[in-house]
C-alpha atoms as a PDB file:
ATOM      1  CA  MET A   1     136.299  42.753 -86.842  1.00  0.00           C
ATOM      2  CA  HIS A   2     135.263  46.400 -87.229  1.00  0.00           C
ATOM      3  CA  ALA A   3     138.606  47.293 -88.827  1.00  0.00           C
ATOM      4  CA  LEU A   4     138.224  44.432 -91.292  1.00  0.00           C
ATOM      5  CA  LEU A   5     134.676  45.385 -92.276  1.00  0.00           C
ATOM      6  CA  ALA A   6     135.656  49.050 -92.575  1.00  0.00           C
ATOM      7  CA  HIS A   7     138.512  48.094 -94.916  1.00  0.00           C
ATOM      8  CA  LEU A   8     136.186  46.010 -97.066  1.00  0.00           C
ATOM      9  CA  ARG A   9     133.821  48.945 -97.365  1.00  0.00           C
ATOM     10  CA  ARG A  10     136.687  51.256 -98.396  1.00  0.00           C
ATOM     11  CA  VAL A  11     137.845  48.927-101.173  1.00  0.00           C
ATOM     12  CA  GLY A  12     134.345  48.499-102.577  1.00  0.00           C
ATOM     13  CA  PHE A  13     133.373  45.092-101.205  1.00  0.00           C
ATOM     14  CA  ASP A  14     129.626  45.488-100.745  1.00  0.00           C
ATOM     15  CA  ALA A  15     129.085  41.840 -99.797  1.00  0.00           C
ATOM     16  CA  ALA A  16     129.738  42.421 -96.096  1.00  0.00           C
ATOM     17  CA  PRO A  17     127.820  44.529 -93.571  1.00  0.00           C
ATOM     18  CA  GLU A  18     128.939  48.120 -93.120  1.00  0.00           C
ATOM     19  CA  PRO A  19     130.024  48.827 -89.509  1.00  0.00           C
ATOM     20  CA  LEU A  20     128.189  51.760 -87.923  1.00  0.00           C
ATOM     21  CA  GLY A  21     129.758  51.695 -84.463  1.00  0.00           C
ATOM     22  CA  MET A  22     128.963  50.140 -81.094  1.00  0.00           C
ATOM     23  CA  ASP A  23     125.842  50.276 -78.955  1.00  0.00           C
ATOM     24  CA  ALA A  24     125.657  51.042 -75.224  1.00  0.00           C
ATOM     25  CA  GLN A  25     126.275  47.371 -74.390  1.00  0.00           C
ATOM     26  CA  GLY A  26     129.435  47.272 -76.504  1.00  0.00           C
ATOM     27  CA  ARG A  27     127.864  45.279 -79.317  1.00  0.00           C
ATOM     28  CA  ALA A  28     128.677  45.945 -82.957  1.00  0.00           C
ATOM     29  CA  VAL A  29     126.045  47.863 -84.916  1.00  0.00           C
ATOM     30  CA  LEU A  30     125.940  46.942 -88.603  1.00  0.00           C
ATOM     31  CA  LYS A  31     124.002  48.420 -91.493  1.00  0.00           C
ATOM     32  CA  PHE A  32     121.049  46.370 -92.712  1.00  0.00           C
ATOM     33  CA  ILE A  33     121.429  44.628 -96.079  1.00  0.00           C
ATOM     34  CA  PRO A  34     118.219  43.496 -97.812  1.00  0.00           C
ATOM     35  CA  GLY A  35     118.017  39.863 -98.882  1.00  0.00           C
ATOM     36  CA  ASP A  36     116.917  36.391 -97.832  1.00  0.00           C
ATOM     37  CA  VAL A  37     118.486  34.200 -95.159  1.00  0.00           C
ATOM     38  CA  HIS A  38     118.144  30.436 -94.757  1.00  0.00           C
ATOM     39  CA  GLN A  39     119.326  29.228 -91.362  1.00  0.00           C
ATOM     40  CA  GLY A  40     118.579  25.551 -91.925  1.00  0.00           C
ATOM     41  CA  TRP A  41     116.888  25.375 -88.511  1.00  0.00           C
ATOM     42  CA  PRO A  42     114.140  24.741 -87.519  1.00  0.00           C
ATOM     43  CA  GLU A  43     113.204  24.557 -91.213  1.00  0.00           C
ATOM     44  CA  PRO A  44     115.608  22.513 -93.375  1.00  0.00           C
ATOM     45  CA  MET A  45     117.875  24.358 -95.779  1.00  0.00           C
ATOM     46  CA  PRO A  46     116.196  24.671 -99.212  1.00  0.00           C
ATOM     47  CA  SER A  47     117.275  21.782-101.426  1.00  0.00           C
ATOM     48  CA  TRP A  48     118.449  24.129-104.190  1.00  0.00           C
ATOM     49  CA  VAL A  49     121.269  25.342-101.934  1.00  0.00           C
ATOM     50  CA  TYR A  50     122.938  21.971-102.525  1.00  0.00           C
ATOM     51  CA  GLU A  51     121.730  21.446-106.093  1.00  0.00           C
ATOM     52  CA  ASP A  52     122.011  24.749-107.983  1.00  0.00           C
ATOM     53  CA  ASP A  53     125.388  25.213-109.691  1.00  0.00           C
ATOM     54  CA  VAL A  54     124.867  28.988-109.746  1.00  0.00           C
ATOM     55  CA  THR A  55     124.567  29.013-105.950  1.00  0.00           C
ATOM     56  CA  LEU A  56     127.727  26.953-105.482  1.00  0.00           C
ATOM     57  CA  ALA A  57     129.833  28.917-107.954  1.00  0.00           C
ATOM     58  CA  GLY A  58     128.548  32.199-106.548  1.00  0.00           C
ATOM     59  CA  ALA A  59     129.667  31.225-103.041  1.00  0.00           C
ATOM     60  CA  ALA A  60     133.170  30.337-104.248  1.00  0.00           C
ATOM     61  CA  GLU A  61     133.491  33.472-106.371  1.00  0.00           C
ATOM     62  CA  LEU A  62     132.411  35.694-103.483  1.00  0.00           C
ATOM     63  CA  LEU A  63     135.022  34.097-101.222  1.00  0.00           C
ATOM     64  CA  ARG A  64     137.729  34.623-103.872  1.00  0.00           C
ATOM     65  CA  ARG A  65     136.737  38.257-104.308  1.00  0.00           C
ATOM     66  CA  TYR A  66     136.907  38.779-100.557  1.00  0.00           C
ATOM     67  CA  HIS A  67     140.359  37.202-100.284  1.00  0.00           C
ATOM     68  CA  ASP A  68     141.730  39.231-103.194  1.00  0.00           C
ATOM     69  CA  LEU A  69     140.644  42.506-101.577  1.00  0.00           C
ATOM     70  CA  LEU A  70     142.676  41.778 -98.432  1.00  0.00           C
ATOM     71  CA  ALA A  71     146.029  42.511-100.091  1.00  0.00           C
ATOM     72  CA  ARG A  72     146.136  46.021 -98.650  1.00  0.00           C
ATOM     73  CA  PHE A  73     144.605  45.217 -95.257  1.00  0.00           C
ATOM     74  CA  THR A  74     146.854  45.569 -92.217  1.00  0.00           C
ATOM     75  CA  PRO A  75     145.153  44.517 -88.973  1.00  0.00           C
ATOM     76  CA  PRO A  76     145.447  47.043 -86.135  1.00  0.00           C
ATOM     77  CA  PRO A  77     148.095  46.221 -83.492  1.00  0.00           C
ATOM     78  CA  ASP A  78     145.419  45.481 -80.893  1.00  0.00           C
ATOM     79  CA  ALA A  79     143.374  43.200 -83.169  1.00  0.00           C
ATOM     80  CA  ARG A  80     141.933  40.199 -81.360  1.00  0.00           C
ATOM     81  CA  TRP A  81     140.791  37.136 -83.284  1.00  0.00           C
ATOM     82  CA  ARG A  82     138.633  34.292 -82.036  1.00  0.00           C
ATOM     83  CA  ILE A  83     140.258  31.710 -84.313  1.00  0.00           C
ATOM     84  CA  ILE A  84     143.894  31.796 -85.429  1.00  0.00           C
ATOM     85  CA  ALA A  85     144.557  28.980 -87.878  1.00  0.00           C
ATOM     86  CA  PRO A  86     147.779  26.971 -87.673  1.00  0.00           C
ATOM     87  CA  GLY A  87     150.243  27.385 -90.528  1.00  0.00           C
ATOM     88  CA  ALA A  88     150.582  30.259 -92.987  1.00  0.00           C
ATOM     89  CA  HIS A  89     148.663  33.495 -92.436  1.00  0.00           C
ATOM     90  CA  GLU A  90     147.973  34.840 -95.938  1.00  0.00           C
ATOM     91  CA  VAL A  91     144.556  36.377 -95.356  1.00  0.00           C
ATOM     92  CA  ILE A  92     141.964  37.018 -92.685  1.00  0.00           C
ATOM     93  CA  CYS A  93     139.739  33.967 -93.050  1.00  0.00           C
ATOM     94  CA  HIS A  94     136.001  34.321 -92.610  1.00  0.00           C
ATOM     95  CA  ASN A  95     136.104  30.872 -90.977  1.00  0.00           C
ATOM     96  CA  ASP A  96     132.352  30.301 -91.231  1.00  0.00           C
ATOM     97  CA  TRP A  97     131.348  31.046 -94.828  1.00  0.00           C
ATOM     98  CA  ALA A  98     128.392  28.706 -95.096  1.00  0.00           C
ATOM     99  CA  PRO A  99     124.831  28.743 -96.464  1.00  0.00           C
ATOM    100  CA  TYR A 100     123.478  29.618 -93.015  1.00  0.00           C
ATOM    101  CA  ASN A 101     125.715  32.719 -92.963  1.00  0.00           C
ATOM    102  CA  ALA A 102     124.809  33.909 -96.455  1.00  0.00           C
ATOM    103  CA  LEU A 103     122.392  36.543 -97.670  1.00  0.00           C
ATOM    104  CA  PHE A 104     120.652  35.493-100.876  1.00  0.00           C
ATOM    105  CA  ASP A 105     119.008  37.212-103.805  1.00  0.00           C
ATOM    106  CA  GLY A 106     117.000  34.325-105.197  1.00  0.00           C
ATOM    107  CA  HIS A 107     119.475  31.456-105.442  1.00  0.00           C
ATOM    108  CA  LEU A 108     122.570  33.691-105.568  1.00  0.00           C
ATOM    109  CA  PRO A 109     124.593  34.427-102.418  1.00  0.00           C
ATOM    110  CA  ILE A 110     125.176  38.190-102.356  1.00  0.00           C
ATOM    111  CA  ALA A 111     126.627  38.894 -98.903  1.00  0.00           C
ATOM    112  CA  MET A 112     128.693  37.210 -96.198  1.00  0.00           C
ATOM    113  CA  LEU A 113     127.291  37.447 -92.667  1.00  0.00           C
ATOM    114  CA  ASP A 114     128.533  36.615 -89.140  1.00  0.00           C
ATOM    115  CA  TRP A 115     132.169  37.720 -89.054  1.00  0.00           C
ATOM    116  CA  ASP A 116     132.741  36.882 -85.381  1.00  0.00           C
ATOM    117  CA  SER A 117     134.988  33.907 -86.195  1.00  0.00           C
ATOM    118  CA  ALA A 118     137.250  35.781 -88.648  1.00  0.00           C
ATOM    119  CA  GLY A 119     140.978  35.367 -88.075  1.00  0.00           C
ATOM    120  CA  PRO A 120     144.381  34.889 -89.717  1.00  0.00           C
ATOM    121  CA  GLY A 121     144.921  31.828 -91.871  1.00  0.00           C
ATOM    122  CA  SER A 122     145.685  30.606 -95.362  1.00  0.00           C
ATOM    123  CA  ARG A 123     143.454  30.858 -98.409  1.00  0.00           C
ATOM    124  CA  VAL A 124     143.115  27.086 -98.609  1.00  0.00           C
ATOM    125  CA  TRP A 125     142.083  26.959 -94.924  1.00  0.00           C
ATOM    126  CA  ASP A 126     139.118  29.241 -95.683  1.00  0.00           C
ATOM    127  CA  VAL A 127     138.341  27.494 -98.974  1.00  0.00           C
ATOM    128  CA  ALA A 128     138.332  24.079 -97.291  1.00  0.00           C
ATOM    129  CA  LEU A 129     135.957  25.059 -94.508  1.00  0.00           C
ATOM    130  CA  SER A 130     133.697  26.852 -96.997  1.00  0.00           C
ATOM    131  CA  ALA A 131     133.614  23.894 -99.386  1.00  0.00           C
ATOM    132  CA  TYR A 132     132.799  21.651 -96.416  1.00  0.00           C
ATOM    133  CA  THR A 133     129.456  23.392 -95.916  1.00  0.00           C
ATOM    134  CA  TRP A 134     128.604  24.580 -99.443  1.00  0.00           C
ATOM    135  CA  VAL A 135     129.329  21.339-101.357  1.00  0.00           C
ATOM    136  CA  PRO A 136     128.708  19.816 -98.726  1.00  0.00           C
ATOM    137  CA  LEU A 137     131.463  17.305 -97.952  1.00  0.00           C
ATOM    138  CA  TYR A 138     129.312  15.181 -95.656  1.00  0.00           C
ATOM    139  CA  PRO A 139     126.417  13.004 -96.866  1.00  0.00           C
ATOM    140  CA  LYS A 140     123.471  13.685 -94.569  1.00  0.00           C
ATOM    141  CA  LEU A 141     122.132  17.242 -94.619  1.00  0.00           C
ATOM    142  CA  ASP A 142     119.413  17.443 -92.018  1.00  0.00           C
ATOM    143  CA  SER A 143     118.033  14.970 -89.509  1.00  0.00           C
ATOM    144  CA  SER A 144     114.493  16.274 -89.987  1.00  0.00           C
ATOM    145  CA  ASN A 145     114.223  15.324 -93.654  1.00  0.00           C
ATOM    146  CA  ASN A 146     117.008  12.730 -94.054  1.00  0.00           C
ATOM    147  CA  GLN A 147     118.200  14.387 -97.264  1.00  0.00           C
ATOM    148  CA  VAL A 148     121.427  12.792 -98.498  1.00  0.00           C
ATOM    149  CA  VAL A 149     123.957  14.101-101.029  1.00  0.00           C
ATOM    150  CA  PRO A 150     125.375  11.107-102.955  1.00  0.00           C
ATOM    151  CA  LEU A 151     129.146  10.788-103.006  1.00  0.00           C
ATOM    152  CA  PRO A 152     129.517  11.286-106.804  1.00  0.00           C
ATOM    153  CA  MET A 153     127.561  14.518-106.482  1.00  0.00           C
ATOM    154  CA  ARG A 154     129.809  15.665-103.639  1.00  0.00           C
ATOM    155  CA  ALA A 155     132.866  14.929-105.784  1.00  0.00           C
ATOM    156  CA  SER A 156     131.598  16.910-108.768  1.00  0.00           C
ATOM    157  CA  ARG A 157     130.489  19.824-106.602  1.00  0.00           C
ATOM    158  CA  LEU A 158     133.873  19.955-104.859  1.00  0.00           C
ATOM    159  CA  ALA A 159     135.577  20.208-108.254  1.00  0.00           C
ATOM    160  CA  MET A 160     133.115  22.928-109.278  1.00  0.00           C
ATOM    161  CA  PHE A 161     133.685  24.936-106.096  1.00  0.00           C
ATOM    162  CA  CYS A 162     137.470  24.838-106.564  1.00  0.00           C
ATOM    163  CA  ALA A 163     137.191  25.769-110.244  1.00  0.00           C
ATOM    164  CA  ALA A 164     135.001  28.758-109.395  1.00  0.00           C
ATOM    165  CA  TYR A 165     137.395  29.927-106.666  1.00  0.00           C
ATOM    166  CA  ARG A 166     140.445  29.362-108.921  1.00  0.00           C
ATOM    167  CA  GLY A 167     143.916  28.333-107.800  1.00  0.00           C
ATOM    168  CA  VAL A 168     143.039  25.719-105.182  1.00  0.00           C
ATOM    169  CA  GLU A 169     142.770  22.037-106.071  1.00  0.00           C
ATOM    170  CA  PRO A 170     140.245  19.588-104.581  1.00  0.00           C
ATOM    171  CA  SER A 171     143.143  17.507-103.252  1.00  0.00           C
ATOM    172  CA  GLU A 172     144.423  20.544-101.304  1.00  0.00           C
ATOM    173  CA  VAL A 173     140.970  21.103 -99.840  1.00  0.00           C
ATOM    174  CA  LEU A 174     140.656  17.542 -98.567  1.00  0.00           C
ATOM    175  CA  GLU A 175     144.238  17.453 -97.304  1.00  0.00           C
ATOM    176  CA  THR A 176     143.528  20.620 -95.313  1.00  0.00           C
ATOM    177  CA  LEU A 177     140.031  19.731 -94.168  1.00  0.00           C
ATOM    178  CA  VAL A 178     140.731  16.514 -92.263  1.00  0.00           C
ATOM    179  CA  PRO A 179     143.126  18.045 -89.690  1.00  0.00           C
ATOM    180  CA  GLN A 180     141.122  21.272 -89.800  1.00  0.00           C
ATOM    181  CA  LEU A 181     137.961  19.567 -88.560  1.00  0.00           C
ATOM    182  CA  ARG A 182     139.916  17.931 -85.748  1.00  0.00           C
ATOM    183  CA  PHE A 183     141.462  21.291 -84.842  1.00  0.00           C
ATOM    184  CA  LEU A 184     138.011  22.898 -84.732  1.00  0.00           C
ATOM    185  CA  ALA A 185     136.581  20.025 -82.687  1.00  0.00           C
ATOM    186  CA  ASP A 186     139.284  20.575 -80.059  1.00  0.00           C
ATOM    187  CA  PHE A 187     138.787  24.354 -80.236  1.00  0.00           C
ATOM    188  CA  ILE A 188     135.021  24.149 -79.712  1.00  0.00           C
ATOM    189  CA  GLN A 189     135.419  21.797 -76.768  1.00  0.00           C
ATOM    190  CA  ALA A 190     138.133  23.953 -75.167  1.00  0.00           C
ATOM    191  CA  GLU A 191     136.028  27.109 -75.501  1.00  0.00           C
ATOM    192  CA  ALA A 192     132.997  25.289 -74.100  1.00  0.00           C
ATOM    193  CA  ASP A 193     135.034  24.031 -71.142  1.00  0.00           C
ATOM    194  CA  ALA A 194     136.220  27.616 -70.560  1.00  0.00           C
ATOM    195  CA  GLY A 195     132.608  28.744 -70.213  1.00  0.00           C
ATOM    196  CA  ASP A 196     131.831  30.361 -73.562  1.00  0.00           C
ATOM    197  CA  PRO A 197     128.012  30.050 -73.873  1.00  0.00           C
ATOM    198  CA  GLY A 198     127.960  29.850 -77.676  1.00  0.00           C
ATOM    199  CA  PHE A 199     130.535  27.086 -77.833  1.00  0.00           C
ATOM    200  CA  ALA A 200     128.921  25.352 -74.857  1.00  0.00           C
ATOM    201  CA  LYS A 201     125.760  25.118 -76.928  1.00  0.00           C
ATOM    202  CA  LEU A 202     127.703  23.648 -79.860  1.00  0.00           C
ATOM    203  CA  ALA A 203     129.347  21.131 -77.556  1.00  0.00           C
ATOM    204  CA  ALA A 204     125.943  20.191 -76.128  1.00  0.00           C
ATOM    205  CA  TRP A 205     124.814  19.510 -79.697  1.00  0.00           C
ATOM    206  CA  ASP A 206     127.787  17.112 -80.090  1.00  0.00           C
ATOM    207  CA  ALA A 207     129.498  19.359 -82.648  1.00  0.00           C
ATOM    208  CA  PRO A 208     133.033  18.252 -81.643  1.00  0.00           C
ATOM    209  CA  ALA A 209     132.210  14.560 -81.962  1.00  0.00           C
ATOM    210  CA  ARG A 210     130.406  15.154 -85.256  1.00  0.00           C
ATOM    211  CA  ALA A 211     133.390  17.076 -86.653  1.00  0.00           C
ATOM    212  CA  ARG A 212     135.764  14.251 -85.733  1.00  0.00           C
ATOM    213  CA  GLU A 213     133.464  11.649 -87.275  1.00  0.00           C
ATOM    214  CA  ARG A 214     133.234  13.643 -90.494  1.00  0.00           C
ATOM    215  CA  ALA A 215     137.006  14.121 -90.582  1.00  0.00           C
ATOM    216  CA  THR A 216     137.404  10.351 -90.507  1.00  0.00           C
ATOM    217  CA  LEU A 217     134.731   9.885 -93.179  1.00  0.00           C
ATOM    218  CA  ILE A 218     136.352  12.452 -95.487  1.00  0.00           C
ATOM    219  CA  ARG A 219     139.774  10.859 -94.956  1.00  0.00           C
ATOM    220  CA  ASP A 220     138.368   7.446 -95.856  1.00  0.00           C
ATOM    221  CA  GLN A 221     136.522   8.792 -98.917  1.00  0.00           C
ATOM    222  CA  THR A 222     139.295  11.052-100.243  1.00  0.00           C
ATOM    223  CA  ASN A 223     140.084   8.952-103.319  1.00  0.00           C
ATOM    224  CA  LEU A 224     136.408   8.711-104.250  1.00  0.00           C
ATOM    225  CA  LEU A 225     135.891  12.452-103.719  1.00  0.00           C
ATOM    226  CA  LEU A 226     138.804  13.051-106.098  1.00  0.00           C
ATOM    227  CA  GLY A 227     137.394  10.700-108.718  1.00  0.00           C
ATOM    228  CA  ARG A 228     139.971   7.987-108.100  1.00  0.00           C
ATOM    229  CA  ALA A 229     138.187   4.666-108.233  1.00  0.00           C
END
């Protein structure tokens, strides 16, 4: 992760934290970036995150810029990745580019946070998982306020996200996302069973089951999400 962030700094990508080294406990030390964060818990995510076109397009454009700057990145021989996606390995995916991992200036996402899940994969793999949370591609946002994103709105926002990223079609995103969510459900459960405390917490929150349910929902709604009546 440090090698990746150091490369991004060298090529002028200022939308990721600058690595400063390691502390005495072996934890990464990163340079502070000013801005606003919205975790979505315990307070719900601001509604504009899922309504403002500038926010959505900004998230897609930042992801595209990141991917494009990886052309000259060669991971070190001893690089270790938490998630290695199946299939082609074109880039190092962020793997968790979502509103809760964004730094905002007003409504505009200006930096990508939490790089712990980064790993080799395809562009469309990263685009699909990012669209899943930024569009979002599931209807109910937060159990505390019961906010729902109507399906037609999800369809139009998916098209907008892909147009802002450029070169990936909504159909590719959905085709990738359904098996991707099942892959991640299995991965989370396996890591939890192996004793990882972070993934154990996700499993306790029923994240694997929720991912599988949403994969089925997205599969069943694919034609509607693509504007095919």
